[in-house]
Amino acid sequence: MARTIAEKREAFRALHEEGCFILPNPWDVGSARMMEHMGFSTLASASSGYSWLQGRPENGIGLDDVLEHLGSLVLATDLPVNADFESGFAHDLEELAANVRLAVNVGVAGLSIEDIRADGGPGF
């Protein structure tokens, strides 16, 4: 039986309760499924890996493409997915909050925001 988004998020939250865990970075649906079958308990998207897979430089993928990619990873396995969400694709906190909500809506269990923007400015 497939896990619901809520069940994936609960599993991800439980991983943070004690000890450490490995967070591998699939770059596409195939690598996500492979990592699930290898026995990992969670996944994290690989922003650079996905950019390079598309023939673009790191930080060369826009928000819409990233959201589509994250959604495909979430649907590909029963594992929770943490999003490498660059600098949130935003320049202010209101825009950042809106973009985080979009990522939550595609089903990610968590996300990471970098401390520097693609344009070199400070992150959030």
PDB file of N, CA and C in Angstrom:
ATOM      1  N   MET A   1       0.836  -1.176   0.000  1.00  0.00           N
ATOM      2  CA  MET A   1       0.000   0.000   0.000  1.00  0.00           C
ATOM      3  C   MET A   1       0.886   1.246   0.000  1.00  0.00           C
ATOM      4  N   ALA A   2       0.543   2.214  -0.811  1.00  0.00           N
ATOM      5  CA  ALA A   2       1.325   3.445  -0.921  1.00  0.00           C
ATOM      6  C   ALA A   2       1.074   4.353   0.284  1.00  0.00           C
ATOM      7  N   ARG A   3       2.144   4.983   0.736  1.00  0.00           N
ATOM      8  CA  ARG A   3       2.037   5.955   1.836  1.00  0.00           C
ATOM      9  C   ARG A   3       1.375   7.230   1.331  1.00  0.00           C
ATOM     10  N   THR A   4       0.585   7.845   2.189  1.00  0.00           N
ATOM     11  CA  THR A   4       0.031   9.156   1.891  1.00  0.00           C
ATOM     12  C   THR A   4       1.105  10.216   2.138  1.00  0.00           C
ATOM     13  N   ILE A   5       0.860  11.415   1.667  1.00  0.00           N
ATOM     14  CA  ILE A   5       1.782  12.528   1.925  1.00  0.00           C
ATOM     15  C   ILE A   5       1.917  12.736   3.437  1.00  0.00           C
ATOM     16  N   ALA A   6       0.810  12.673   4.153  1.00  0.00           N
ATOM     17  CA  ALA A   6       0.856  12.861   5.606  1.00  0.00           C
ATOM     18  C   ALA A   6       1.712  11.781   6.261  1.00  0.00           C
ATOM     19  N   GLU A   7       1.602  10.551   5.813  1.00  0.00           N
ATOM     20  CA  GLU A   7       2.411   9.464   6.369  1.00  0.00           C
ATOM     21  C   GLU A   7       3.894   9.661   6.051  1.00  0.00           C
ATOM     22  N   LYS A   8       4.192  10.143   4.855  1.00  0.00           N
ATOM     23  CA  LYS A   8       5.584  10.412   4.487  1.00  0.00           C
ATOM     24  C   LYS A   8       6.158  11.512   5.381  1.00  0.00           C
ATOM     25  N   ARG A   9       5.365  12.537   5.616  1.00  0.00           N
ATOM     26  CA  ARG A   9       5.833  13.641   6.461  1.00  0.00           C
ATOM     27  C   ARG A   9       6.042  13.184   7.904  1.00  0.00           C
ATOM     28  N   GLU A  10       5.159  12.344   8.396  1.00  0.00           N
ATOM     29  CA  GLU A  10       5.314  11.816   9.755  1.00  0.00           C
ATOM     30  C   GLU A  10       6.580  10.956   9.852  1.00  0.00           C
ATOM     31  N   ALA A  11       6.837  10.154   8.829  1.00  0.00           N
ATOM     32  CA  ALA A  11       8.050   9.324   8.816  1.00  0.00           C
ATOM     33  C   ALA A  11       9.297  10.203   8.799  1.00  0.00           C
ATOM     34  N   PHE A  12       9.260  11.297   8.048  1.00  0.00           N
ATOM     35  CA  PHE A  12      10.400  12.212   7.975  1.00  0.00           C
ATOM     36  C   PHE A  12      10.621  12.889   9.326  1.00  0.00           C
ATOM     37  N   ARG A  13       9.551  13.316   9.937  1.00  0.00           N
ATOM     38  CA  ARG A  13       9.630  13.953  11.263  1.00  0.00           C
ATOM     39  C   ARG A  13      10.223  12.981  12.277  1.00  0.00           C
ATOM     40  N   ALA A  14       9.804  11.716  12.216  1.00  0.00           N
ATOM     41  CA  ALA A  14      10.293  10.709  13.170  1.00  0.00           C
ATOM     42  C   ALA A  14      11.792  10.475  13.016  1.00  0.00           C
ATOM     43  N   LEU A  15      12.320  10.605  11.796  1.00  0.00           N
ATOM     44  CA  LEU A  15      13.756  10.422  11.589  1.00  0.00           C
ATOM     45  C   LEU A  15      14.581  11.454  12.360  1.00  0.00           C
ATOM     46  N   HIS A  16      13.991  12.610  12.644  1.00  0.00           N
ATOM     47  CA  HIS A  16      14.695  13.687  13.339  1.00  0.00           C
ATOM     48  C   HIS A  16      14.650  13.568  14.859  1.00  0.00           C
ATOM     49  N   GLU A  17      13.944  12.589  15.371  1.00  0.00           N
ATOM     50  CA  GLU A  17      13.763  12.486  16.813  1.00  0.00           C
ATOM     51  C   GLU A  17      15.008  12.038  17.555  1.00  0.00           C
ATOM     52  N   GLU A  18      15.846  11.207  16.926  1.00  0.00           N
ATOM     53  CA  GLU A  18      17.084  10.808  17.593  1.00  0.00           C
ATOM     54  C   GLU A  18      18.062  10.258  16.565  1.00  0.00           C
ATOM     55  N   GLY A  19      19.323  10.408  16.869  1.00  0.00           N
ATOM     56  CA  GLY A  19      20.363   9.850  16.016  1.00  0.00           C
ATOM     57  C   GLY A  19      20.504  10.566  14.694  1.00  0.00           C
ATOM     58  N   CYS A  20      21.155   9.865  13.789  1.00  0.00           N
ATOM     59  CA  CYS A  20      21.435  10.408  12.459  1.00  0.00           C
ATOM     60  C   CYS A  20      20.812   9.518  11.397  1.00  0.00           C
ATOM     61  N   PHE A  21      20.654  10.055  10.219  1.00  0.00           N
ATOM     62  CA  PHE A  21      20.189   9.261   9.097  1.00  0.00           C
ATOM     63  C   PHE A  21      20.856   9.767   7.829  1.00  0.00           C
ATOM     64  N   ILE A  22      20.902   8.906   6.834  1.00  0.00           N
ATOM     65  CA  ILE A  22      21.518   9.256   5.550  1.00  0.00           C
ATOM     66  C   ILE A  22      20.443   9.806   4.634  1.00  0.00           C
ATOM     67  N   LEU A  23      20.758  10.896   3.984  1.00  0.00           N
ATOM     68  CA  LEU A  23      19.815  11.585   3.103  1.00  0.00           C
ATOM     69  C   LEU A  23      20.404  11.613   1.690  1.00  0.00           C
ATOM     70  N   PRO A  24      20.201  10.544   0.899  1.00  0.00           N
ATOM     71  CA  PRO A  24      20.785  10.491  -0.435  1.00  0.00           C
ATOM     72  C   PRO A  24      20.055  11.436  -1.399  1.00  0.00           C
ATOM     73  N   ASN A  25      20.743  11.807  -2.467  1.00  0.00           N
ATOM     74  CA  ASN A  25      20.227  12.801  -3.406  1.00  0.00           C
ATOM     75  C   ASN A  25      19.969  12.226  -4.792  1.00  0.00           C
ATOM     76  N   PRO A  26      18.760  11.734  -5.066  1.00  0.00           N
ATOM     77  CA  PRO A  26      18.450  11.295  -6.424  1.00  0.00           C
ATOM     78  C   PRO A  26      18.336  12.498  -7.350  1.00  0.00           C
ATOM     79  N   TRP A  27      18.661  12.285  -8.605  1.00  0.00           N
ATOM     80  CA  TRP A  27      18.605  13.366  -9.586  1.00  0.00           C
ATOM     81  C   TRP A  27      17.418  13.205 -10.529  1.00  0.00           C
ATOM     82  N   ASP A  28      16.765  12.024 -10.486  1.00  0.00           N
ATOM     83  CA  ASP A  28      15.597  11.789 -11.329  1.00  0.00           C
ATOM     84  C   ASP A  28      14.761  10.671 -10.717  1.00  0.00           C
ATOM     85  N   VAL A  29      13.639  10.348 -11.367  1.00  0.00           N
ATOM     86  CA  VAL A  29      12.738   9.322 -10.853  1.00  0.00           C
ATOM     87  C   VAL A  29      13.433   7.964 -10.759  1.00  0.00           C
ATOM     88  N   GLY A  30      14.204   7.613 -11.769  1.00  0.00           N
ATOM     89  CA  GLY A  30      14.892   6.318 -11.756  1.00  0.00           C
ATOM     90  C   GLY A  30      15.850   6.172 -10.588  1.00  0.00           C
ATOM     91  N   SER A  31      16.635   7.203 -10.332  1.00  0.00           N
ATOM     92  CA  SER A  31      17.578   7.120  -9.213  1.00  0.00           C
ATOM     93  C   SER A  31      16.836   7.151  -7.875  1.00  0.00           C
ATOM     94  N   ALA A  32      15.696   7.838  -7.811  1.00  0.00           N
ATOM     95  CA  ALA A  32      14.899   7.836  -6.578  1.00  0.00           C
ATOM     96  C   ALA A  32      14.376   6.428  -6.287  1.00  0.00           C
ATOM     97  N   ARG A  33      13.864   5.765  -7.311  1.00  0.00           N
ATOM     98  CA  ARG A  33      13.356   4.399  -7.116  1.00  0.00           C
ATOM     99  C   ARG A  33      14.481   3.438  -6.763  1.00  0.00           C
ATOM    100  N   MET A  34      15.633   3.611  -7.389  1.00  0.00           N
ATOM    101  CA  MET A  34      16.777   2.770  -7.075  1.00  0.00           C
ATOM    102  C   MET A  34      17.164   2.936  -5.606  1.00  0.00           C
ATOM    103  N   MET A  35      17.219   4.181  -5.125  1.00  0.00           N
ATOM    104  CA  MET A  35      17.603   4.442  -3.738  1.00  0.00           C
ATOM    105  C   MET A  35      16.578   3.888  -2.761  1.00  0.00           C
ATOM    106  N   GLU A  36      15.315   3.941  -3.127  1.00  0.00           N
ATOM    107  CA  GLU A  36      14.284   3.332  -2.279  1.00  0.00           C
ATOM    108  C   GLU A  36      14.524   1.825  -2.177  1.00  0.00           C
ATOM    109  N   HIS A  37      14.791   1.173  -3.297  1.00  0.00           N
ATOM    110  CA  HIS A  37      15.024  -0.274  -3.302  1.00  0.00           C
ATOM    111  C   HIS A  37      16.332  -0.654  -2.607  1.00  0.00           C
ATOM    112  N   MET A  38      17.257   0.297  -2.485  1.00  0.00           N
ATOM    113  CA  MET A  38      18.504   0.046  -1.763  1.00  0.00           C
ATOM    114  C   MET A  38      18.296   0.098  -0.253  1.00  0.00           C
ATOM    115  N   GLY A  39      17.121   0.556   0.188  1.00  0.00           N
ATOM    116  CA  GLY A  39      16.806   0.540   1.605  1.00  0.00           C
ATOM    117  C   GLY A  39      16.891   1.873   2.327  1.00  0.00           C
ATOM    118  N   PHE A  40      17.100   2.964   1.606  1.00  0.00           N
ATOM    119  CA  PHE A  40      17.131   4.267   2.273  1.00  0.00           C
ATOM    120  C   PHE A  40      15.753   4.596   2.833  1.00  0.00           C
ATOM    121  N   SER A  41      15.711   5.411   3.885  1.00  0.00           N
ATOM    122  CA  SER A  41      14.453   5.744   4.540  1.00  0.00           C
ATOM    123  C   SER A  41      13.878   7.086   4.113  1.00  0.00           C
ATOM    124  N   THR A  42      14.666   7.885   3.417  1.00  0.00           N
ATOM    125  CA  THR A  42      14.218   9.192   2.946  1.00  0.00           C
ATOM    126  C   THR A  42      15.126   9.622   1.799  1.00  0.00           C
ATOM    127  N   LEU A  43      14.699  10.652   1.085  1.00  0.00           N
ATOM    128  CA  LEU A  43      15.460  11.188  -0.052  1.00  0.00           C
ATOM    129  C   LEU A  43      15.496  12.706   0.040  1.00  0.00           C
ATOM    130  N   ALA A  44      16.480  13.295  -0.618  1.00  0.00           N
ATOM    131  CA  ALA A  44      16.526  14.747  -0.777  1.00  0.00           C
ATOM    132  C   ALA A  44      16.828  15.041  -2.242  1.00  0.00           C
ATOM    133  N   SER A  45      16.112  15.964  -2.815  1.00  0.00           N
ATOM    134  CA  SER A  45      16.374  16.299  -4.209  1.00  0.00           C
ATOM    135  C   SER A  45      17.789  16.851  -4.353  1.00  0.00           C
ATOM    136  N   ALA A  46      18.321  16.731  -5.542  1.00  0.00           N
ATOM    137  CA  ALA A  46      19.671  17.227  -5.839  1.00  0.00           C
ATOM    138  C   ALA A  46      19.537  18.345  -6.865  1.00  0.00           C
ATOM    139  N   SER A  47      19.561  19.576  -6.409  1.00  0.00           N
ATOM    140  CA  SER A  47      19.332  20.686  -7.340  1.00  0.00           C
ATOM    141  C   SER A  47      20.375  20.731  -8.444  1.00  0.00           C
ATOM    142  N   SER A  48      21.641  20.569  -8.099  1.00  0.00           N
ATOM    143  CA  SER A  48      22.668  20.611  -9.138  1.00  0.00           C
ATOM    144  C   SER A  48      22.537  19.409 -10.066  1.00  0.00           C
ATOM    145  N   GLY A  49      22.277  18.229  -9.504  1.00  0.00           N
ATOM    146  CA  GLY A  49      22.116  17.036 -10.322  1.00  0.00           C
ATOM    147  C   GLY A  49      20.979  17.181 -11.315  1.00  0.00           C
ATOM    148  N   TYR A  50      19.858  17.739 -10.868  1.00  0.00           N
ATOM    149  CA  TYR A  50      18.725  17.942 -11.771  1.00  0.00           C
ATOM    150  C   TYR A  50      19.061  18.995 -12.829  1.00  0.00           C
ATOM    151  N   SER A  51      19.717  20.077 -12.418  1.00  0.00           N
ATOM    152  CA  SER A  51      20.113  21.114 -13.387  1.00  0.00           C
ATOM    153  C   SER A  51      21.009  20.523 -14.459  1.00  0.00           C
ATOM    154  N   TRP A  52      22.006  19.762 -14.031  1.00  0.00           N
ATOM    155  CA  TRP A  52      22.953  19.179 -14.988  1.00  0.00           C
ATOM    156  C   TRP A  52      22.263  18.159 -15.883  1.00  0.00           C
ATOM    157  N   LEU A  53      21.310  17.403 -15.331  1.00  0.00           N
ATOM    158  CA  LEU A  53      20.549  16.440 -16.123  1.00  0.00           C
ATOM    159  C   LEU A  53      19.797  17.141 -17.255  1.00  0.00           C
ATOM    160  N   GLN A  54      19.387  18.376 -16.999  1.00  0.00           N
ATOM    161  CA  GLN A  54      18.674  19.165 -17.997  1.00  0.00           C
ATOM    162  C   GLN A  54      19.619  19.949 -18.922  1.00  0.00           C
ATOM    163  N   GLY A  55      20.926  19.760 -18.729  1.00  0.00           N
ATOM    164  CA  GLY A  55      21.898  20.465 -19.544  1.00  0.00           C
ATOM    165  C   GLY A  55      22.060  21.926 -19.173  1.00  0.00           C
ATOM    166  N   ARG A  56      21.738  22.252 -17.936  1.00  0.00           N
ATOM    167  CA  ARG A  56      21.824  23.634 -17.460  1.00  0.00           C
ATOM    168  C   ARG A  56      22.813  23.713 -16.300  1.00  0.00           C
ATOM    169  N   PRO A  57      23.328  24.898 -16.029  1.00  0.00           N
ATOM    170  CA  PRO A  57      24.234  25.038 -14.882  1.00  0.00           C
ATOM    171  C   PRO A  57      23.464  24.984 -13.567  1.00  0.00           C
ATOM    172  N   GLU A  58      24.206  24.758 -12.475  1.00  0.00           N
ATOM    173  CA  GLU A  58      23.562  24.829 -11.168  1.00  0.00           C
ATOM    174  C   GLU A  58      22.896  26.195 -11.036  1.00  0.00           C
ATOM    175  N   ASN A  59      21.742  26.220 -10.423  1.00  0.00           N
ATOM    176  CA  ASN A  59      20.905  27.422 -10.316  1.00  0.00           C
ATOM    177  C   ASN A  59      20.334  27.842 -11.664  1.00  0.00           C
ATOM    178  N   GLY A  60      20.353  26.947 -12.650  1.00  0.00           N
ATOM    179  CA  GLY A  60      19.839  27.264 -13.981  1.00  0.00           C
ATOM    180  C   GLY A  60      18.424  26.792 -14.226  1.00  0.00           C
ATOM    181  N   ILE A  61      17.750  26.332 -13.186  1.00  0.00           N
ATOM    182  CA  ILE A  61      16.386  25.813 -13.292  1.00  0.00           C
ATOM    183  C   ILE A  61      15.451  26.763 -12.541  1.00  0.00           C
ATOM    184  N   GLY A  62      14.322  27.071 -13.138  1.00  0.00           N
ATOM    185  CA  GLY A  62      13.360  27.968 -12.506  1.00  0.00           C
ATOM    186  C   GLY A  62      12.414  27.257 -11.556  1.00  0.00           C
ATOM    187  N   LEU A  63      11.657  28.035 -10.846  1.00  0.00           N
ATOM    188  CA  LEU A  63      10.740  27.530  -9.830  1.00  0.00           C
ATOM    189  C   LEU A  63       9.752  26.518 -10.395  1.00  0.00           C
ATOM    190  N   ASP A  64       9.112  26.815 -11.507  1.00  0.00           N
ATOM    191  CA  ASP A  64       8.110  25.902 -12.052  1.00  0.00           C
ATOM    192  C   ASP A  64       8.702  24.544 -12.376  1.00  0.00           C
ATOM    193  N   ASP A  65       9.892  24.535 -12.988  1.00  0.00           N
ATOM    194  CA  ASP A  65      10.547  23.260 -13.304  1.00  0.00           C
ATOM    195  C   ASP A  65      10.923  22.501 -12.041  1.00  0.00           C
ATOM    196  N   VAL A  66      11.398  23.206 -11.021  1.00  0.00           N
ATOM    197  CA  VAL A  66      11.767  22.559  -9.767  1.00  0.00           C
ATOM    198  C   VAL A  66      10.533  21.958  -9.097  1.00  0.00           C
ATOM    199  N   LEU A  67       9.440  22.683  -9.091  1.00  0.00           N
ATOM    200  CA  LEU A  67       8.215  22.156  -8.486  1.00  0.00           C
ATOM    201  C   LEU A  67       7.739  20.906  -9.221  1.00  0.00           C
ATOM    202  N   GLU A  68       7.815  20.920 -10.539  1.00  0.00           N
ATOM    203  CA  GLU A  68       7.431  19.738 -11.322  1.00  0.00           C
ATOM    204  C   GLU A  68       8.347  18.559 -10.985  1.00  0.00           C
ATOM    205  N   HIS A  69       9.646  18.836 -10.908  1.00  0.00           N
ATOM    206  CA  HIS A  69      10.618  17.798 -10.568  1.00  0.00           C
ATOM    207  C   HIS A  69      10.352  17.244  -9.168  1.00  0.00           C
ATOM    208  N   LEU A  70      10.136  18.103  -8.200  1.00  0.00           N
ATOM    209  CA  LEU A  70       9.854  17.653  -6.833  1.00  0.00           C
ATOM    210  C   LEU A  70       8.596  16.791  -6.799  1.00  0.00           C
ATOM    211  N   GLY A  71       7.567  17.225  -7.506  1.00  0.00           N
ATOM    212  CA  GLY A  71       6.334  16.445  -7.556  1.00  0.00           C
ATOM    213  C   GLY A  71       6.561  15.061  -8.134  1.00  0.00           C
ATOM    214  N   SER A  72       7.415  14.975  -9.147  1.00  0.00           N
ATOM    215  CA  SER A  72       7.693  13.657  -9.744  1.00  0.00           C
ATOM    216  C   SER A  72       8.444  12.768  -8.767  1.00  0.00           C
ATOM    217  N   LEU A  73       9.364  13.325  -7.989  1.00  0.00           N
ATOM    218  CA  LEU A  73      10.078  12.534  -6.981  1.00  0.00           C
ATOM    219  C   LEU A  73       9.132  12.064  -5.882  1.00  0.00           C
ATOM    220  N   VAL A  74       8.250  12.940  -5.437  1.00  0.00           N
ATOM    221  CA  VAL A  74       7.291  12.594  -4.383  1.00  0.00           C
ATOM    222  C   VAL A  74       6.404  11.433  -4.835  1.00  0.00           C
ATOM    223  N   LEU A  75       5.960  11.467  -6.084  1.00  0.00           N
ATOM    224  CA  LEU A  75       5.077  10.415  -6.593  1.00  0.00           C
ATOM    225  C   LEU A  75       5.815   9.127  -6.932  1.00  0.00           C
ATOM    226  N   ALA A  76       7.118   9.197  -7.135  1.00  0.00           N
ATOM    227  CA  ALA A  76       7.892   8.044  -7.605  1.00  0.00           C
ATOM    228  C   ALA A  76       8.114   6.973  -6.548  1.00  0.00           C
ATOM    229  N   THR A  77       8.128   7.362  -5.273  1.00  0.00           N
ATOM    230  CA  THR A  77       8.440   6.390  -4.217  1.00  0.00           C
ATOM    231  C   THR A  77       7.530   6.603  -3.009  1.00  0.00           C
ATOM    232  N   ASP A  78       7.619   5.678  -2.073  1.00  0.00           N
ATOM    233  CA  ASP A  78       6.906   5.814  -0.801  1.00  0.00           C
ATOM    234  C   ASP A  78       7.759   6.507   0.252  1.00  0.00           C
ATOM    235  N   LEU A  79       8.913   7.020  -0.144  1.00  0.00           N
ATOM    236  CA  LEU A  79       9.802   7.683   0.808  1.00  0.00           C
ATOM    237  C   LEU A  79       9.487   9.172   0.896  1.00  0.00           C
ATOM    238  N   PRO A  80       9.706   9.761   2.075  1.00  0.00           N
ATOM    239  CA  PRO A  80       9.585  11.213   2.182  1.00  0.00           C
ATOM    240  C   PRO A  80      10.702  11.881   1.392  1.00  0.00           C
ATOM    241  N   VAL A  81      10.388  13.043   0.826  1.00  0.00           N
ATOM    242  CA  VAL A  81      11.355  13.797   0.025  1.00  0.00           C
ATOM    243  C   VAL A  81      11.581  15.163   0.660  1.00  0.00           C
ATOM    244  N   ASN A  82      12.857  15.469   0.894  1.00  0.00           N
ATOM    245  CA  ASN A  82      13.267  16.796   1.329  1.00  0.00           C
ATOM    246  C   ASN A  82      13.739  17.554   0.093  1.00  0.00           C
ATOM    247  N   ALA A  83      13.288  18.778  -0.069  1.00  0.00           N
ATOM    248  CA  ALA A  83      13.626  19.564  -1.253  1.00  0.00           C
ATOM    249  C   ALA A  83      14.869  20.410  -1.030  1.00  0.00           C
ATOM    250  N   ASP A  84      15.838  20.283  -1.937  1.00  0.00           N
ATOM    251  CA  ASP A  84      16.923  21.257  -2.021  1.00  0.00           C
ATOM    252  C   ASP A  84      16.296  22.418  -2.781  1.00  0.00           C
ATOM    253  N   PHE A  85      15.897  23.446  -2.070  1.00  0.00           N
ATOM    254  CA  PHE A  85      15.055  24.505  -2.627  1.00  0.00           C
ATOM    255  C   PHE A  85      15.849  25.781  -2.917  1.00  0.00           C
ATOM    256  N   GLU A  86      17.139  25.582  -3.240  1.00  0.00           N
ATOM    257  CA  GLU A  86      18.007  26.709  -3.582  1.00  0.00           C
ATOM    258  C   GLU A  86      17.850  27.819  -2.541  1.00  0.00           C
ATOM    259  N   SER A  87      17.679  29.052  -3.000  1.00  0.00           N
ATOM    260  CA  SER A  87      17.449  30.162  -2.074  1.00  0.00           C
ATOM    261  C   SER A  87      15.960  30.501  -2.005  1.00  0.00           C
ATOM    262  N   GLY A  88      15.124  29.520  -2.361  1.00  0.00           N
ATOM    263  CA  GLY A  88      13.684  29.713  -2.280  1.00  0.00           C
ATOM    264  C   GLY A  88      13.099  30.410  -3.488  1.00  0.00           C
ATOM    265  N   PHE A  89      13.950  30.701  -4.485  1.00  0.00           N
ATOM    266  CA  PHE A  89      13.483  31.361  -5.711  1.00  0.00           C
ATOM    267  C   PHE A  89      12.783  32.674  -5.387  1.00  0.00           C
ATOM    268  N   ALA A  90      13.345  33.392  -4.410  1.00  0.00           N
ATOM    269  CA  ALA A  90      12.706  34.603  -3.913  1.00  0.00           C
ATOM    270  C   ALA A  90      13.739  35.646  -3.532  1.00  0.00           C
ATOM    271  N   HIS A  91      13.289  36.897  -3.497  1.00  0.00           N
ATOM    272  CA  HIS A  91      14.143  37.996  -3.079  1.00  0.00           C
ATOM    273  C   HIS A  91      13.617  38.691  -1.828  1.00  0.00           C
ATOM    274  N   ASP A  92      12.438  38.273  -1.361  1.00  0.00           N
ATOM    275  CA  ASP A  92      11.936  38.810  -0.098  1.00  0.00           C
ATOM    276  C   ASP A  92      11.165  37.707   0.626  1.00  0.00           C
ATOM    277  N   LEU A  93      10.906  37.931   1.891  1.00  0.00           N
ATOM    278  CA  LEU A  93      10.309  36.879   2.721  1.00  0.00           C
ATOM    279  C   LEU A  93       8.888  36.520   2.304  1.00  0.00           C
ATOM    280  N   GLU A  94       8.125  37.476   1.825  1.00  0.00           N
ATOM    281  CA  GLU A  94       6.758  37.189   1.384  1.00  0.00           C
ATOM    282  C   GLU A  94       6.772  36.246   0.179  1.00  0.00           C
ATOM    283  N   GLU A  95       7.638  36.523  -0.770  1.00  0.00           N
ATOM    284  CA  GLU A  95       7.771  35.662  -1.947  1.00  0.00           C
ATOM    285  C   GLU A  95       8.308  34.283  -1.540  1.00  0.00           C
ATOM    286  N   LEU A  96       9.257  34.273  -0.616  1.00  0.00           N
ATOM    287  CA  LEU A  96       9.791  33.005  -0.120  1.00  0.00           C
ATOM    288  C   LEU A  96       8.689  32.159   0.505  1.00  0.00           C
ATOM    289  N   ALA A  97       7.870  32.765   1.355  1.00  0.00           N
ATOM    290  CA  ALA A  97       6.777  32.025   1.997  1.00  0.00           C
ATOM    291  C   ALA A  97       5.816  31.460   0.956  1.00  0.00           C
ATOM    292  N   ALA A  98       5.499  32.238  -0.061  1.00  0.00           N
ATOM    293  CA  ALA A  98       4.598  31.765  -1.119  1.00  0.00           C
ATOM    294  C   ALA A  98       5.216  30.580  -1.862  1.00  0.00           C
ATOM    295  N   ASN A  99       6.509  30.643  -2.137  1.00  0.00           N
ATOM    296  CA  ASN A  99       7.174  29.557  -2.858  1.00  0.00           C
ATOM    297  C   ASN A  99       7.289  28.295  -2.008  1.00  0.00           C
ATOM    298  N   VAL A 100       7.524  28.468  -0.717  1.00  0.00           N
ATOM    299  CA  VAL A 100       7.565  27.313   0.185  1.00  0.00           C
ATOM    300  C   VAL A 100       6.197  26.632   0.202  1.00  0.00           C
ATOM    301  N   ARG A 101       5.126  27.423   0.236  1.00  0.00           N
ATOM    302  CA  ARG A 101       3.780  26.831   0.196  1.00  0.00           C
ATOM    303  C   ARG A 101       3.575  26.024  -1.083  1.00  0.00           C
ATOM    304  N   LEU A 102       4.095  26.510  -2.208  1.00  0.00           N
ATOM    305  CA  LEU A 102       3.987  25.761  -3.465  1.00  0.00           C
ATOM    306  C   LEU A 102       4.716  24.416  -3.354  1.00  0.00           C
ATOM    307  N   ALA A 103       5.884  24.419  -2.737  1.00  0.00           N
ATOM    308  CA  ALA A 103       6.640  23.173  -2.565  1.00  0.00           C
ATOM    309  C   ALA A 103       5.887  22.217  -1.643  1.00  0.00           C
ATOM    310  N   VAL A 104       5.319  22.739  -0.582  1.00  0.00           N
ATOM    311  CA  VAL A 104       4.526  21.905   0.329  1.00  0.00           C
ATOM    312  C   VAL A 104       3.349  21.298  -0.436  1.00  0.00           C
ATOM    313  N   ASN A 105       2.743  22.077  -1.310  1.00  0.00           N
ATOM    314  CA  ASN A 105       1.589  21.596  -2.066  1.00  0.00           C
ATOM    315  C   ASN A 105       1.918  20.457  -3.024  1.00  0.00           C
ATOM    316  N   VAL A 106       3.178  20.337  -3.471  1.00  0.00           N
ATOM    317  CA  VAL A 106       3.538  19.202  -4.332  1.00  0.00           C
ATOM    318  C   VAL A 106       3.893  17.975  -3.508  1.00  0.00           C
ATOM    319  N   GLY A 107       3.954  18.106  -2.171  1.00  0.00           N
ATOM    320  CA  GLY A 107       4.087  16.946  -1.318  1.00  0.00           C
ATOM    321  C   GLY A 107       5.411  16.722  -0.634  1.00  0.00           C
ATOM    322  N   VAL A 108       6.326  17.690  -0.683  1.00  0.00           N
ATOM    323  CA  VAL A 108       7.603  17.465  -0.003  1.00  0.00           C
ATOM    324  C   VAL A 108       7.384  17.357   1.506  1.00  0.00           C
ATOM    325  N   ALA A 109       8.267  16.590   2.146  1.00  0.00           N
ATOM    326  CA  ALA A 109       8.183  16.400   3.590  1.00  0.00           C
ATOM    327  C   ALA A 109       8.977  17.459   4.344  1.00  0.00           C
ATOM    328  N   GLY A 110       9.903  18.101   3.678  1.00  0.00           N
ATOM    329  CA  GLY A 110      10.735  19.145   4.262  1.00  0.00           C
ATOM    330  C   GLY A 110      11.466  19.851   3.146  1.00  0.00           C
ATOM    331  N   LEU A 111      12.177  20.910   3.497  1.00  0.00           N
ATOM    332  CA  LEU A 111      12.991  21.587   2.487  1.00  0.00           C
ATOM    333  C   LEU A 111      14.111  22.355   3.134  1.00  0.00           C
ATOM    334  N   SER A 112      15.126  22.607   2.330  1.00  0.00           N
ATOM    335  CA  SER A 112      16.308  23.352   2.777  1.00  0.00           C
ATOM    336  C   SER A 112      16.424  24.610   1.938  1.00  0.00           C
ATOM    337  N   ILE A 113      16.712  25.719   2.603  1.00  0.00           N
ATOM    338  CA  ILE A 113      16.928  26.999   1.928  1.00  0.00           C
ATOM    339  C   ILE A 113      18.403  27.347   2.087  1.00  0.00           C
ATOM    340  N   GLU A 114      19.055  27.671   0.988  1.00  0.00           N
ATOM    341  CA  GLU A 114      20.481  28.011   1.030  1.00  0.00           C
ATOM    342  C   GLU A 114      20.693  29.415   1.580  1.00  0.00           C
ATOM    343  N   ASP A 115      21.891  29.659   2.059  1.00  0.00           N
ATOM    344  CA  ASP A 115      22.183  30.946   2.672  1.00  0.00           C
ATOM    345  C   ASP A 115      22.780  31.950   1.699  1.00  0.00           C
ATOM    346  N   ILE A 116      22.719  31.636   0.408  1.00  0.00           N
ATOM    347  CA  ILE A 116      23.150  32.587  -0.613  1.00  0.00           C
ATOM    348  C   ILE A 116      22.265  32.411  -1.829  1.00  0.00           C
ATOM    349  N   ARG A 117      21.898  33.514  -2.445  1.00  0.00           N
ATOM    350  CA  ARG A 117      21.051  33.472  -3.636  1.00  0.00           C
ATOM    351  C   ARG A 117      21.902  33.206  -4.881  1.00  0.00           C
ATOM    352  N   ALA A 118      21.232  32.797  -5.945  1.00  0.00           N
ATOM    353  CA  ALA A 118      21.920  32.526  -7.211  1.00  0.00           C
ATOM    354  C   ALA A 118      22.635  33.770  -7.726  1.00  0.00           C
ATOM    355  N   ASP A 119      22.128  34.973  -7.389  1.00  0.00           N
ATOM    356  CA  ASP A 119      22.770  36.202  -7.847  1.00  0.00           C
ATOM    357  C   ASP A 119      23.913  36.642  -6.930  1.00  0.00           C
ATOM    358  N   GLY A 120      24.232  35.811  -5.916  1.00  0.00           N
ATOM    359  CA  GLY A 120      25.346  36.109  -5.024  1.00  0.00           C
ATOM    360  C   GLY A 120      24.967  36.886  -3.789  1.00  0.00           C
ATOM    361  N   GLY A 121      23.734  37.364  -3.725  1.00  0.00           N
ATOM    362  CA  GLY A 121      23.289  38.097  -2.551  1.00  0.00           C
ATOM    363  C   GLY A 121      23.032  37.176  -1.383  1.00  0.00           C
ATOM    364  N   PRO A 122      22.901  37.741  -0.180  1.00  0.00           N
ATOM    365  CA  PRO A 122      22.643  36.894   0.996  1.00  0.00           C
ATOM    366  C   PRO A 122      21.293  36.216   0.898  1.00  0.00           C
ATOM    367  N   GLY A 123      21.227  35.013   1.421  1.00  0.00           N
ATOM    368  CA  GLY A 123      19.963  34.262   1.438  1.00  0.00           C
ATOM    369  C   GLY A 123      19.157  34.580   2.668  1.00  0.00           C
ATOM    370  N   PHE A 124      18.215  33.737   2.926  1.00  0.00           N
ATOM    371  CA  PHE A 124      17.285  33.974   4.035  1.00  0.00           C
ATOM    372  C   PHE A 124      17.701  33.216   5.267  1.00  0.00           C
TER     373      PHE A 124
END
